[in-house]
Protein backbone atom coordinates (compact mmCIF):
# COMPACT_ATOMS: atom_id res chain seq x y z
CA UNK A 1 19.73 1.62 29.17
CA UNK A 2 17.76 4.70 28.28
CA UNK A 3 14.44 3.46 28.94
CA UNK A 4 12.71 7.19 28.18
CA UNK A 5 13.41 6.54 24.74
CA UNK A 6 11.16 4.43 22.02
CA UNK A 7 12.92 4.50 18.71
CA UNK A 8 10.91 3.35 15.47
CA UNK A 9 12.33 3.02 12.10
CA UNK A 10 10.44 4.07 9.04
CA UNK A 11 11.11 3.90 5.40
CA UNK A 12 8.48 5.92 3.74
CA UNK A 13 6.15 2.90 3.04
CA UNK A 14 2.61 2.21 4.14
CA UNK A 15 3.71 -0.69 5.42
CA UNK A 16 5.68 1.24 8.25
CA UNK A 17 2.51 3.20 9.44
CA UNK A 18 1.38 0.68 11.82
CA UNK A 19 4.78 0.60 13.61
CA UNK A 20 5.24 4.33 13.65
CA UNK A 21 1.79 4.72 15.34
CA UNK A 22 2.26 1.81 17.71
CA UNK A 23 5.50 3.19 18.78
CA UNK A 24 3.89 6.68 19.25
CA UNK A 25 1.17 5.15 21.46
CA UNK A 26 3.72 3.19 23.47
CA UNK A 27 6.12 6.23 23.76
CA UNK A 28 3.06 8.40 24.98
CA UNK A 29 1.89 5.35 27.50
CA UNK A 30 5.48 5.20 29.08
CA UNK A 31 5.81 9.01 29.30
CA UNK A 32 9.01 8.38 27.06
CA UNK A 33 10.56 10.20 24.09
CA UNK A 34 9.48 8.89 20.68
CA UNK A 35 12.48 8.97 18.34
CA UNK A 36 11.79 8.18 14.76
CA UNK A 37 14.63 7.31 12.54
CA UNK A 38 14.69 7.26 8.66
CA UNK A 39 18.06 5.97 7.01
CA UNK A 40 18.72 6.55 3.48
CA UNK A 41 21.52 5.91 0.92
CA UNK A 42 22.15 7.72 -2.16
CA UNK A 43 21.43 5.58 -5.02
CA UNK A 44 24.59 6.16 -6.76
CA UNK A 45 26.39 3.96 -4.42
CA UNK A 46 25.12 0.94 -5.46
CA UNK A 47 25.71 1.41 -9.17
CA UNK A 48 28.79 -0.02 -11.14
CA UNK A 49 31.44 2.86 -11.43
CA UNK A 50 31.00 2.79 -15.17
CA UNK A 51 27.37 2.91 -15.02
CA UNK A 52 25.84 6.13 -16.03
CA UNK A 53 24.48 8.31 -13.23
CA UNK A 54 21.34 10.18 -13.94
CA UNK A 55 21.80 14.14 -13.37
CA UNK A 56 19.91 14.97 -10.08
CA UNK A 57 20.21 18.12 -8.27
CA UNK A 58 22.54 17.86 -5.44
CA UNK A 59 20.74 17.16 -2.17
CA UNK A 60 17.75 16.04 -3.80
CA UNK A 61 17.98 12.39 -2.33
CA UNK A 62 18.35 13.80 1.26
CA UNK A 63 15.77 16.40 0.66
CA UNK A 64 13.56 13.60 -0.39
CA UNK A 65 14.42 11.55 2.65
CA UNK A 66 13.55 14.74 4.93
CA UNK A 67 10.08 14.66 3.39
CA UNK A 68 9.65 11.28 4.39
CA UNK A 69 10.92 11.90 8.12
CA UNK A 70 8.72 15.14 8.36
CA UNK A 71 5.64 13.18 7.20
CA UNK A 72 6.08 10.39 9.78
CA UNK A 73 6.63 12.78 12.34
CA UNK A 74 3.58 14.97 11.57
CA UNK A 75 1.53 11.78 11.48
CA UNK A 76 2.62 10.73 14.90
CA UNK A 77 1.83 14.00 16.30
CA UNK A 78 -1.29 14.19 14.64
CA UNK A 79 -2.80 10.78 15.88
CA UNK A 80 -1.03 10.98 19.31
CA UNK A 81 -1.17 14.62 20.17
CA UNK A 82 0.62 14.38 23.75
CA UNK A 83 3.53 12.29 22.36
CA UNK A 84 7.27 14.01 22.46
CA UNK A 85 8.76 13.06 19.07
CA UNK A 86 11.91 13.73 17.35
CA UNK A 87 13.26 12.62 14.21
CA UNK A 88 16.41 11.44 13.18
CA UNK A 89 17.68 11.62 9.53
CA UNK A 90 20.58 9.12 8.94
CA UNK A 91 22.76 8.73 5.85
CA UNK A 92 23.43 4.72 5.75
CA UNK A 93 22.34 1.43 5.69
CA UNK A 94 19.34 1.24 7.38
CA UNK A 95 20.01 -1.69 9.32
CA UNK A 96 23.39 -0.49 10.62
CA UNK A 97 22.07 3.06 11.73
CA UNK A 98 18.87 1.54 13.45
CA UNK A 99 20.82 -1.02 15.46
CA UNK A 100 23.72 1.39 16.25
CA UNK A 101 21.33 4.19 17.13
CA UNK A 102 19.06 1.90 19.23
CA UNK A 103 21.82 0.78 21.36
CA UNK A 104 20.59 1.41 25.13
CA UNK A 105 17.09 2.50 24.19
CA UNK A 106 13.89 1.24 26.19
CA UNK A 107 12.59 -0.23 23.15
CA UNK A 108 12.91 -0.35 19.19
CA UNK A 109 10.01 -0.63 16.83
CA UNK A 110 9.91 -1.92 13.59
CA UNK A 111 7.39 -2.78 10.91
CA UNK A 112 7.37 -6.07 9.16
CA UNK A 113 7.73 -5.89 5.33
CA UNK A 114 6.86 -9.92 5.09
CA UNK A 115 3.51 -9.22 3.52
CA UNK A 116 5.18 -6.84 0.69
CA UNK A 117 7.69 -9.50 0.00
CA UNK A 118 4.95 -11.76 -0.67
CA UNK A 119 6.46 -15.01 0.54
CA UNK A 120 6.76 -14.22 4.20
CA UNK A 121 10.49 -13.76 4.82
CA UNK A 122 11.59 -11.03 7.09
CA UNK A 123 13.89 -7.95 5.64
CA UNK A 124 17.43 -7.38 6.44
CA UNK A 125 16.54 -4.57 8.68
CA UNK A 126 14.49 -6.47 10.59
CA UNK A 127 16.69 -9.74 10.65
CA UNK A 128 19.95 -7.53 11.81
CA UNK A 129 18.13 -5.57 14.42
CA UNK A 130 16.79 -9.01 15.72
CA UNK A 131 19.92 -10.55 15.53
CA UNK A 132 22.22 -7.79 17.00
CA UNK A 133 19.31 -7.21 19.77
CA UNK A 134 20.27 -3.53 20.64
CA UNK A 135 17.46 -3.44 23.27
CA UNK A 136 14.19 -4.94 23.52
CA UNK A 137 12.85 -5.06 19.86
CA UNK A 138 9.00 -5.04 18.91
CA UNK A 139 7.80 -6.13 15.54
CA UNK A 140 4.61 -4.94 14.37
CA UNK A 141 2.81 -6.38 11.39
CA UNK A 142 1.69 -4.12 8.64
CA UNK A 143 -2.11 -3.28 8.48
CA UNK A 144 -3.82 -4.56 5.70
CA UNK A 145 -6.35 -2.43 3.43
CA UNK A 146 -8.27 0.20 5.49
CA UNK A 147 -5.75 0.13 8.27
CA UNK A 148 -6.96 -3.47 9.69
CA UNK A 149 -4.35 -5.68 10.68
CA UNK A 150 -4.66 -9.15 9.02
CA UNK A 151 -6.50 -11.86 11.14
CA UNK A 152 -4.24 -13.59 13.67
CA UNK A 153 -1.46 -10.96 13.18
CA UNK A 154 0.23 -10.44 16.62
CA UNK A 155 3.06 -8.44 17.71
CA UNK A 156 6.33 -10.07 18.32
CA UNK A 157 8.62 -9.09 21.32
CA UNK A 158 12.39 -10.10 21.32
CA UNK A 159 14.87 -9.20 24.22
């Protein structure tokens, strides 16, 4: 186990910010490396072969994914200046990419999109990583308006 690595999965939504910042603080506290992972898939991979594809410049989706990752790294470094952070941009399904890359890490931090789903259900990424358990997993609830965590929201740790 590489306990010098705290990994966090991000998706570019505001809901992942709480997980990102919690992971950055934890990595800094442990003296560990923060590894921020953003997985992306081309939208055309989920369309029927006969469906029309919009004309997008080659590499646009990957470039947009890179911007998401760069913004997350900048936020983590701005809020926790001493953290040693690096990014990983991965092409593929987020649940598979995170579970594979977190194998042997000291910790995998994920945000919960249950609030965004509106019915309390956990997303595919979170469920997959909890089921496969590549390392200890911490689930950080999303913050509400103004960056405040909803009353009664607690972290969940699975290992």
